[in-house]
Each structure stands twice: as structure tokens, then as C-alpha cells.
Amino acid sequence: MDTEVTAVRIAGVASGPLFTGRTRLKGVVFCATGAGQLELRDGITNAGPVKLLLDVVAGTGDVQIPGGIVFKDGVYATSSGLFVSANLLLG
């Protein structure tokens, strides 16, 4: 079944809600200048359960998630280290 996909961007070292409501993470495209981390939690605060913890090194990359990861109450993201940006593919 095909569904509409929305790209949501996080830039630099940041923390905050990226999407409200139920959604499914289908992939992540990221860039870093060195070691960094992207943490995605279910909900719109940093109190929700961690659904994805992605450690990255210098360079770019992408992660495709067959079937996706369901976020019931939204997506809250925190990036750290030498993280530059990420595009989350939600649908």
C-alpha cells in the first residue's frame, strides 16, 4: 500500500517536536562532520519512549526502514555531537 510521504528536516544540534499526531518513520537521510547522534522519541516531549537512536560518523548516509517505525503521539527529536542535519521521511 502506498502512502503519502512528508519530509521533515532537523538542522544542527537541536531538540524539539518535529511532528504531532500518529505517523510512521520510513527513512532518515543524514549528514555529520564527525561523531554525532540522533534520538527520536514517541510524543511531543523528551519524556516519551525512545523509538530510534542513530549514531553517526563523519559523512552522509541514509537508513531505510521497511514497514517503518510507528510513532503514536508525534516525533520528538534530539541531535547532538557533530550532527549537521537530517531529513526524516514520515508517512
PDB file of N, CA and C in Angstrom:
ATOM      1  N   MET A   1       0.842  -1.175   0.000  1.00  0.00           N
ATOM      2  CA  MET A   1       0.000   0.000   0.000  1.00  0.00           C
ATOM      3  C   MET A   1       0.884   1.234   0.000  1.00  0.00           C
ATOM      4  N   ASP A   2       0.669   2.132  -0.925  1.00  0.00           N
ATOM      5  CA  ASP A   2       1.415   3.381  -0.998  1.00  0.00           C
ATOM      6  C   ASP A   2       0.738   4.433  -0.137  1.00  0.00           C
ATOM      7  N   THR A   3       1.548   5.221   0.556  1.00  0.00           N
ATOM      8  CA  THR A   3       1.038   6.330   1.346  1.00  0.00           C
ATOM      9  C   THR A   3       1.857   7.567   1.032  1.00  0.00           C
ATOM     10  N   GLU A   4       1.281   8.710   1.310  1.00  0.00           N
ATOM     11  CA  GLU A   4       1.986   9.965   1.101  1.00  0.00           C
ATOM     12  C   GLU A   4       3.149  10.069   2.090  1.00  0.00           C
ATOM     13  N   VAL A   5       4.271  10.572   1.611  1.00  0.00           N
ATOM     14  CA  VAL A   5       5.453  10.735   2.460  1.00  0.00           C
ATOM     15  C   VAL A   5       5.748  12.221   2.606  1.00  0.00           C
ATOM     16  N   THR A   6       6.026  12.639   3.832  1.00  0.00           N
ATOM     17  CA  THR A   6       6.382  14.019   4.139  1.00  0.00           C
ATOM     18  C   THR A   6       7.806  14.035   4.661  1.00  0.00           C
ATOM     19  N   ALA A   7       8.626  14.953   4.170  1.00  0.00           N
ATOM     20  CA  ALA A   7       9.993  15.105   4.668  1.00  0.00           C
ATOM     21  C   ALA A   7      10.013  16.223   5.698  1.00  0.00           C
ATOM     22  N   VAL A   8      10.573  15.917   6.872  1.00  0.00           N
ATOM     23  CA  VAL A   8      10.717  16.893   7.945  1.00  0.00           C
ATOM     24  C   VAL A   8      12.201  17.005   8.245  1.00  0.00           C
ATOM     25  N   ARG A   9      12.709  18.231   8.335  1.00  0.00           N
ATOM     26  CA  ARG A   9      14.150  18.463   8.488  1.00  0.00           C
ATOM     27  C   ARG A   9      14.501  18.929   9.890  1.00  0.00           C
ATOM     28  N   ILE A  10      15.603  18.390  10.402  1.00  0.00           N
ATOM     29  CA  ILE A  10      16.212  18.884  11.635  1.00  0.00           C
ATOM     30  C   ILE A  10      17.619  19.328  11.252  1.00  0.00           C
ATOM     31  N   ALA A  11      18.013  20.509  11.700  1.00  0.00           N
ATOM     32  CA  ALA A  11      19.318  21.057  11.325  1.00  0.00           C
ATOM     33  C   ALA A  11      20.146  21.353  12.569  1.00  0.00           C
ATOM     34  N   GLY A  12      21.412  20.955  12.520  1.00  0.00           N
ATOM     35  CA  GLY A  12      22.344  21.237  13.605  1.00  0.00           C
ATOM     36  C   GLY A  12      22.009  20.499  14.882  1.00  0.00           C
ATOM     37  N   VAL A  13      22.629  20.939  15.958  1.00  0.00           N
ATOM     38  CA  VAL A  13      22.363  20.372  17.275  1.00  0.00           C
ATOM     39  C   VAL A  13      21.105  21.049  17.797  1.00  0.00           C
ATOM     40  N   ALA A  14      20.046  20.266  17.938  1.00  0.00           N
ATOM     41  CA  ALA A  14      18.749  20.826  18.291  1.00  0.00           C
ATOM     42  C   ALA A  14      17.929  19.809  19.074  1.00  0.00           C
ATOM     43  N   SER A  15      16.836  20.298  19.636  1.00  0.00           N
ATOM     44  CA  SER A  15      15.930  19.437  20.365  1.00  0.00           C
ATOM     45  C   SER A  15      14.534  20.034  20.290  1.00  0.00           C
ATOM     46  N   GLY A  16      13.532  19.209  19.994  1.00  0.00           N
ATOM     47  CA  GLY A  16      12.169  19.698  19.954  1.00  0.00           C
ATOM     48  C   GLY A  16      11.239  18.804  19.170  1.00  0.00           C
ATOM     49  N   PRO A  17       9.938  19.092  19.240  1.00  0.00           N
ATOM     50  CA  PRO A  17       8.961  18.302  18.493  1.00  0.00           C
ATOM     51  C   PRO A  17       9.059  18.602  16.999  1.00  0.00           C
ATOM     52  N   LEU A  18       8.995  17.553  16.188  1.00  0.00           N
ATOM     53  CA  LEU A  18       9.063  17.707  14.735  1.00  0.00           C
ATOM     54  C   LEU A  18       7.727  17.442  14.059  1.00  0.00           C
ATOM     55  N   PHE A  19       6.895  16.650  14.702  1.00  0.00           N
ATOM     56  CA  PHE A  19       5.636  16.245  14.082  1.00  0.00           C
ATOM     57  C   PHE A  19       4.666  15.886  15.187  1.00  0.00           C
ATOM     58  N   THR A  20       3.404  16.302  15.062  1.00  0.00           N
ATOM     59  CA  THR A  20       2.398  15.924  16.048  1.00  0.00           C
ATOM     60  C   THR A  20       1.418  14.952  15.413  1.00  0.00           C
ATOM     61  N   GLY A  21       0.936  14.045  16.215  1.00  0.00           N
ATOM     62  CA  GLY A  21      -0.014  13.042  15.733  1.00  0.00           C
ATOM     63  C   GLY A  21       0.675  11.764  15.309  1.00  0.00           C
ATOM     64  N   ARG A  22      -0.139  10.798  14.967  1.00  0.00           N
ATOM     65  CA  ARG A  22       0.366   9.479  14.571  1.00  0.00           C
ATOM     66  C   ARG A  22       1.060   9.559  13.215  1.00  0.00           C
ATOM     67  N   THR A  23       2.207   8.907  13.112  1.00  0.00           N
ATOM     68  CA  THR A  23       2.936   8.843  11.856  1.00  0.00           C
ATOM     69  C   THR A  23       3.841   7.623  11.863  1.00  0.00           C
ATOM     70  N   ARG A  24       4.441   7.370  10.741  1.00  0.00           N
ATOM     71  CA  ARG A  24       5.355   6.232  10.597  1.00  0.00           C
ATOM     72  C   ARG A  24       6.653   6.746   9.981  1.00  0.00           C
ATOM     73  N   LEU A  25       7.783   6.463  10.644  1.00  0.00           N
ATOM     74  CA  LEU A  25       9.097   6.832  10.122  1.00  0.00           C
ATOM     75  C   LEU A  25       9.512   5.783   9.107  1.00  0.00           C
ATOM     76  N   LYS A  26       9.738   6.240   7.864  1.00  0.00           N
ATOM     77  CA  LYS A  26      10.094   5.323   6.790  1.00  0.00           C
ATOM     78  C   LYS A  26      11.567   5.370   6.420  1.00  0.00           C
ATOM     79  N   GLY A  27      12.237   6.456   6.807  1.00  0.00           N
ATOM     80  CA  GLY A  27      13.656   6.566   6.491  1.00  0.00           C
ATOM     81  C   GLY A  27      14.254   7.839   7.048  1.00  0.00           C
ATOM     82  N   VAL A  28      15.580   7.864   7.070  1.00  0.00           N
ATOM     83  CA  VAL A  28      16.329   9.020   7.543  1.00  0.00           C
ATOM     84  C   VAL A  28      17.512   9.227   6.593  1.00  0.00           C
ATOM     85  N   VAL A  29      17.700  10.459   6.137  1.00  0.00           N
ATOM     86  CA  VAL A  29      18.872  10.844   5.357  1.00  0.00           C
ATOM     87  C   VAL A  29      19.615  11.852   6.212  1.00  0.00           C
ATOM     88  N   PHE A  30      20.906  11.596   6.493  1.00  0.00           N
ATOM     89  CA  PHE A  30      21.612  12.442   7.446  1.00  0.00           C
ATOM     90  C   PHE A  30      22.984  12.868   6.952  1.00  0.00           C
ATOM     91  N   CYS A  31      23.530  13.884   7.631  1.00  0.00           N
ATOM     92  CA  CYS A  31      24.859  14.414   7.347  1.00  0.00           C
ATOM     93  C   CYS A  31      25.502  14.807   8.676  1.00  0.00           C
ATOM     94  N   ALA A  32      26.790  14.499   8.820  1.00  0.00           N
ATOM     95  CA  ALA A  32      27.525  14.860  10.035  1.00  0.00           C
ATOM     96  C   ALA A  32      28.969  15.179   9.667  1.00  0.00           C
ATOM     97  N   THR A  33      29.591  16.059  10.429  1.00  0.00           N
ATOM     98  CA  THR A  33      31.001  16.376  10.201  1.00  0.00           C
ATOM     99  C   THR A  33      31.911  15.552  11.106  1.00  0.00           C
ATOM    100  N   GLY A  34      31.337  14.776  11.975  1.00  0.00           N
ATOM    101  CA  GLY A  34      32.071  13.908  12.896  1.00  0.00           C
ATOM    102  C   GLY A  34      31.055  13.086  13.673  1.00  0.00           C
ATOM    103  N   ALA A  35      31.482  12.503  14.775  1.00  0.00           N
ATOM    104  CA  ALA A  35      30.597  11.659  15.573  1.00  0.00           C
ATOM    105  C   ALA A  35      29.419  12.466  16.112  1.00  0.00           C
ATOM    106  N   GLY A  36      28.244  11.922  15.963  1.00  0.00           N
ATOM    107  CA  GLY A  36      27.036  12.562  16.455  1.00  0.00           C
ATOM    108  C   GLY A  36      25.961  11.540  16.701  1.00  0.00           C
ATOM    109  N   GLN A  37      24.796  12.026  17.133  1.00  0.00           N
ATOM    110  CA  GLN A  37      23.714  11.119  17.470  1.00  0.00           C
ATOM    111  C   GLN A  37      22.374  11.785  17.184  1.00  0.00           C
ATOM    112  N   LEU A  38      21.422  10.987  16.734  1.00  0.00           N
ATOM    113  CA  LEU A  38      20.054  11.432  16.538  1.00  0.00           C
ATOM    114  C   LEU A  38      19.162  10.501  17.348  1.00  0.00           C
ATOM    115  N   GLU A  39      18.364  11.109  18.231  1.00  0.00           N
ATOM    116  CA  GLU A  39      17.449  10.347  19.073  1.00  0.00           C
ATOM    117  C   GLU A  39      16.028  10.769  18.740  1.00  0.00           C
ATOM    118  N   LEU A  40      15.171   9.806  18.452  1.00  0.00           N
ATOM    119  CA  LEU A  40      13.768  10.081  18.134  1.00  0.00           C
ATOM    120  C   LEU A  40      12.888   9.408  19.172  1.00  0.00           C
ATOM    121  N   ARG A  41      12.016  10.203  19.775  1.00  0.00           N
ATOM    122  CA  ARG A  41      11.102   9.707  20.812  1.00  0.00           C
ATOM    123  C   ARG A  41       9.653   9.816  20.354  1.00  0.00           C
ATOM    124  N   ASP A  42       8.819   8.936  20.871  1.00  0.00           N
ATOM    125  CA  ASP A  42       7.388   8.980  20.597  1.00  0.00           C
ATOM    126  C   ASP A  42       6.768  10.062  21.473  1.00  0.00           C
ATOM    127  N   GLY A  43       6.092  11.009  20.843  1.00  0.00           N
ATOM    128  CA  GLY A  43       5.431  12.081  21.581  1.00  0.00           C
ATOM    129  C   GLY A  43       5.987  13.437  21.201  1.00  0.00           C
ATOM    130  N   ILE A  44       5.541  14.464  21.911  1.00  0.00           N
ATOM    131  CA  ILE A  44       5.982  15.821  21.602  1.00  0.00           C
ATOM    132  C   ILE A  44       6.828  16.419  22.722  1.00  0.00           C
ATOM    133  N   THR A  45       7.298  15.556  23.644  1.00  0.00           N
ATOM    134  CA  THR A  45       8.223  15.988  24.692  1.00  0.00           C
ATOM    135  C   THR A  45       9.364  14.979  24.770  1.00  0.00           C
ATOM    136  N   ASN A  46      10.393  15.328  25.537  1.00  0.00           N
ATOM    137  CA  ASN A  46      11.529  14.414  25.679  1.00  0.00           C
ATOM    138  C   ASN A  46      11.270  13.316  26.706  1.00  0.00           C
ATOM    139  N   ALA A  47      10.025  13.164  27.147  1.00  0.00           N
ATOM    140  CA  ALA A  47       9.684  12.136  28.129  1.00  0.00           C
ATOM    141  C   ALA A  47       9.190  10.836  27.491  1.00  0.00           C
ATOM    142  N   GLY A  48       8.901  10.856  26.198  1.00  0.00           N
ATOM    143  CA  GLY A  48       8.382   9.668  25.532  1.00  0.00           C
ATOM    144  C   GLY A  48       9.439   8.596  25.344  1.00  0.00           C
ATOM    145  N   PRO A  49       9.010   7.381  25.021  1.00  0.00           N
ATOM    146  CA  PRO A  49       9.965   6.294  24.815  1.00  0.00           C
ATOM    147  C   PRO A  49      10.814   6.510  23.553  1.00  0.00           C
ATOM    148  N   VAL A  50      12.074   6.129  23.650  1.00  0.00           N
ATOM    149  CA  VAL A  50      12.980   6.230  22.504  1.00  0.00           C
ATOM    150  C   VAL A  50      12.579   5.175  21.475  1.00  0.00           C
ATOM    151  N   LYS A  51      12.350   5.614  20.243  1.00  0.00           N
ATOM    152  CA  LYS A  51      11.985   4.705  19.158  1.00  0.00           C
ATOM    153  C   LYS A  51      13.155   4.445  18.214  1.00  0.00           C
ATOM    154  N   LEU A  52      14.085   5.427  18.115  1.00  0.00           N
ATOM    155  CA  LEU A  52      15.262   5.261  17.265  1.00  0.00           C
ATOM    156  C   LEU A  52      16.414   6.042  17.855  1.00  0.00           C
ATOM    157  N   LEU A  53      17.565   5.390  17.989  1.00  0.00           N
ATOM    158  CA  LEU A  53      18.797   6.034  18.429  1.00  0.00           C
ATOM    159  C   LEU A  53      19.839   5.725  17.368  1.00  0.00           C
ATOM    160  N   LEU A  54      20.240   6.768  16.637  1.00  0.00           N
ATOM    161  CA  LEU A  54      21.118   6.597  15.490  1.00  0.00           C
ATOM    162  C   LEU A  54      22.460   7.271  15.775  1.00  0.00           C
ATOM    163  N   ASP A  55      23.529   6.485  15.847  1.00  0.00           N
ATOM    164  CA  ASP A  55      24.886   7.012  15.986  1.00  0.00           C
ATOM    165  C   ASP A  55      25.456   7.194  14.593  1.00  0.00           C
ATOM    166  N   VAL A  56      26.045   8.376  14.340  1.00  0.00           N
ATOM    167  CA  VAL A  56      26.586   8.668  13.017  1.00  0.00           C
ATOM    168  C   VAL A  56      28.051   9.065  13.127  1.00  0.00           C
ATOM    169  N   VAL A  57      28.763   8.929  12.028  1.00  0.00           N
ATOM    170  CA  VAL A  57      30.158   9.378  11.919  1.00  0.00           C
ATOM    171  C   VAL A  57      30.218  10.404  10.794  1.00  0.00           C
ATOM    172  N   ALA A  58      31.379  10.965  10.545  1.00  0.00           N
ATOM    173  CA  ALA A  58      31.520  11.982   9.509  1.00  0.00           C
ATOM    174  C   ALA A  58      31.058  11.452   8.154  1.00  0.00           C
ATOM    175  N   GLY A  59      30.292  12.266   7.465  1.00  0.00           N
ATOM    176  CA  GLY A  59      29.819  11.912   6.136  1.00  0.00           C
ATOM    177  C   GLY A  59      28.312  11.967   6.054  1.00  0.00           C
ATOM    178  N   THR A  60      27.795  11.365   4.999  1.00  0.00           N
ATOM    179  CA  THR A  60      26.357  11.311   4.795  1.00  0.00           C
ATOM    180  C   THR A  60      25.916   9.860   4.731  1.00  0.00           C
ATOM    181  N   GLY A  61      24.653   9.663   4.946  1.00  0.00           N
ATOM    182  CA  GLY A  61      24.125   8.306   4.869  1.00  0.00           C
ATOM    183  C   GLY A  61      22.621   8.313   4.889  1.00  0.00           C
ATOM    184  N   ASP A  62      22.054   7.149   4.680  1.00  0.00           N
ATOM    185  CA  ASP A  62      20.604   7.036   4.755  1.00  0.00           C
ATOM    186  C   ASP A  62      20.233   5.688   5.346  1.00  0.00           C
ATOM    187  N   VAL A  63      19.122   5.698   6.018  1.00  0.00           N
ATOM    188  CA  VAL A  63      18.578   4.492   6.636  1.00  0.00           C
ATOM    189  C   VAL A  63      17.165   4.320   6.112  1.00  0.00           C
ATOM    190  N   GLN A  64      16.897   3.195   5.494  1.00  0.00           N
ATOM    191  CA  GLN A  64      15.547   2.876   5.039  1.00  0.00           C
ATOM    192  C   GLN A  64      14.966   1.863   6.006  1.00  0.00           C
ATOM    193  N   ILE A  65      13.715   2.052   6.382  1.00  0.00           N
ATOM    194  CA  ILE A  65      13.087   1.206   7.388  1.00  0.00           C
ATOM    195  C   ILE A  65      11.879   0.512   6.763  1.00  0.00           C
ATOM    196  N   PRO A  66      12.068  -0.727   6.293  1.00  0.00           N
ATOM    197  CA  PRO A  66      10.946  -1.461   5.707  1.00  0.00           C
ATOM    198  C   PRO A  66       9.815  -1.596   6.729  1.00  0.00           C
ATOM    199  N   GLY A  67       8.626  -1.224   6.341  1.00  0.00           N
ATOM    200  CA  GLY A  67       7.488  -1.288   7.258  1.00  0.00           C
ATOM    201  C   GLY A  67       7.384  -0.065   8.151  1.00  0.00           C
ATOM    202  N   GLY A  68       8.491   0.623   8.383  1.00  0.00           N
ATOM    203  CA  GLY A  68       8.502   1.843   9.180  1.00  0.00           C
ATOM    204  C   GLY A  68       8.438   1.606  10.674  1.00  0.00           C
ATOM    205  N   ILE A  69       8.640   2.676  11.432  1.00  0.00           N
ATOM    206  CA  ILE A  69       8.515   2.671  12.890  1.00  0.00           C
ATOM    207  C   ILE A  69       7.345   3.583  13.230  1.00  0.00           C
ATOM    208  N   VAL A  70       6.360   3.070  13.954  1.00  0.00           N
ATOM    209  CA  VAL A  70       5.166   3.835  14.290  1.00  0.00           C
ATOM    210  C   VAL A  70       5.434   4.739  15.488  1.00  0.00           C
ATOM    211  N   PHE A  71       5.081   6.003  15.324  1.00  0.00           N
ATOM    212  CA  PHE A  71       5.097   6.981  16.408  1.00  0.00           C
ATOM    213  C   PHE A  71       3.633   7.333  16.659  1.00  0.00           C
ATOM    214  N   LYS A  72       3.081   6.934  17.790  1.00  0.00           N
ATOM    215  CA  LYS A  72       1.652   7.102  18.061  1.00  0.00           C
ATOM    216  C   LYS A  72       1.259   8.541  18.373  1.00  0.00           C
ATOM    217  N   ASP A  73       2.160   9.272  19.041  1.00  0.00           N
ATOM    218  CA  ASP A  73       1.801  10.601  19.536  1.00  0.00           C
ATOM    219  C   ASP A  73       2.673  11.722  19.004  1.00  0.00           C
ATOM    220  N   GLY A  74       3.368  11.511  17.910  1.00  0.00           N
ATOM    221  CA  GLY A  74       4.237  12.533  17.349  1.00  0.00           C
ATOM    222  C   GLY A  74       5.693  12.105  17.407  1.00  0.00           C
ATOM    223  N   VAL A  75       6.573  12.995  16.925  1.00  0.00           N
ATOM    224  CA  VAL A  75       8.011  12.714  16.886  1.00  0.00           C
ATOM    225  C   VAL A  75       8.744  13.862  17.566  1.00  0.00           C
ATOM    226  N   TYR A  76       9.535  13.516  18.582  1.00  0.00           N
ATOM    227  CA  TYR A  76      10.386  14.482  19.273  1.00  0.00           C
ATOM    228  C   TYR A  76      11.829  14.087  18.977  1.00  0.00           C
ATOM    229  N   ALA A  77      12.617  15.027  18.455  1.00  0.00           N
ATOM    230  CA  ALA A  77      13.991  14.724  18.037  1.00  0.00           C
ATOM    231  C   ALA A  77      15.002  15.490  18.875  1.00  0.00           C
ATOM    232  N   THR A  78      16.129  14.835  19.131  1.00  0.00           N
ATOM    233  CA  THR A  78      17.280  15.475  19.765  1.00  0.00           C
ATOM    234  C   THR A  78      18.512  15.055  18.976  1.00  0.00           C
ATOM    235  N   SER A  79      19.283  16.045  18.517  1.00  0.00           N
ATOM    236  CA  SER A  79      20.536  15.743  17.827  1.00  0.00           C
ATOM    237  C   SER A  79      21.681  16.302  18.659  1.00  0.00           C
ATOM    238  N   SER A  80      22.826  15.628  18.587  1.00  0.00           N
ATOM    239  CA  SER A  80      23.967  16.049  19.401  1.00  0.00           C
ATOM    240  C   SER A  80      25.273  15.753  18.675  1.00  0.00           C
ATOM    241  N   GLY A  81      26.357  16.217  19.263  1.00  0.00           N
ATOM    242  CA  GLY A  81      27.678  15.982  18.681  1.00  0.00           C
ATOM    243  C   GLY A  81      27.885  16.837  17.451  1.00  0.00           C
ATOM    244  N   LEU A  82      28.524  16.269  16.450  1.00  0.00           N
ATOM    245  CA  LEU A  82      28.830  16.988  15.214  1.00  0.00           C
ATOM    246  C   LEU A  82      27.796  16.693  14.130  1.00  0.00           C
ATOM    247  N   PHE A  83      26.565  16.575  14.563  1.00  0.00           N
ATOM    248  CA  PHE A  83      25.445  16.326  13.682  1.00  0.00           C
ATOM    249  C   PHE A  83      25.127  17.597  12.900  1.00  0.00           C
ATOM    250  N   VAL A  84      24.967  17.500  11.583  1.00  0.00           N
ATOM    251  CA  VAL A  84      24.686  18.672  10.750  1.00  0.00           C
ATOM    252  C   VAL A  84      23.197  18.767  10.417  1.00  0.00           C
ATOM    253  N   SER A  85      22.622  17.707   9.876  1.00  0.00           N
ATOM    254  CA  SER A  85      21.217  17.762   9.505  1.00  0.00           C
ATOM    255  C   SER A  85      20.682  16.363   9.227  1.00  0.00           C
ATOM    256  N   ALA A  86      19.351  16.284   9.205  1.00  0.00           N
ATOM    257  CA  ALA A  86      18.681  15.046   8.817  1.00  0.00           C
ATOM    258  C   ALA A  86      17.322  15.380   8.222  1.00  0.00           C
ATOM    259  N   ASN A  87      16.927  14.611   7.254  1.00  0.00           N
ATOM    260  CA  ASN A  87      15.580  14.652   6.711  1.00  0.00           C
ATOM    261  C   ASN A  87      14.905  13.359   7.119  1.00  0.00           C
ATOM    262  N   LEU A  88      13.809  13.473   7.851  1.00  0.00           N
ATOM    263  CA  LEU A  88      13.032  12.311   8.254  1.00  0.00           C
ATOM    264  C   LEU A  88      11.904  12.123   7.251  1.00  0.00           C
ATOM    265  N   LEU A  89      11.749  10.928   6.768  1.00  0.00           N
ATOM    266  CA  LEU A  89      10.692  10.620   5.809  1.00  0.00           C
ATOM    267  C   LEU A  89       9.541   9.980   6.569  1.00  0.00           C
ATOM    268  N   LEU A  90       8.451  10.730   6.708  1.00  0.00           N
ATOM    269  CA  LEU A  90       7.299  10.301   7.505  1.00  0.00           C
ATOM    270  C   LEU A  90       6.115  10.035   6.599  1.00  0.00           C
ATOM    271  N   GLY A  91       5.327   9.049   6.957  1.00  0.00           N
ATOM    272  CA  GLY A  91       4.128   8.767   6.168  1.00  0.00           C
ATOM    273  C   GLY A  91       3.203   7.830   6.863  1.00  0.00           C
TER     274      GLY A  91
END
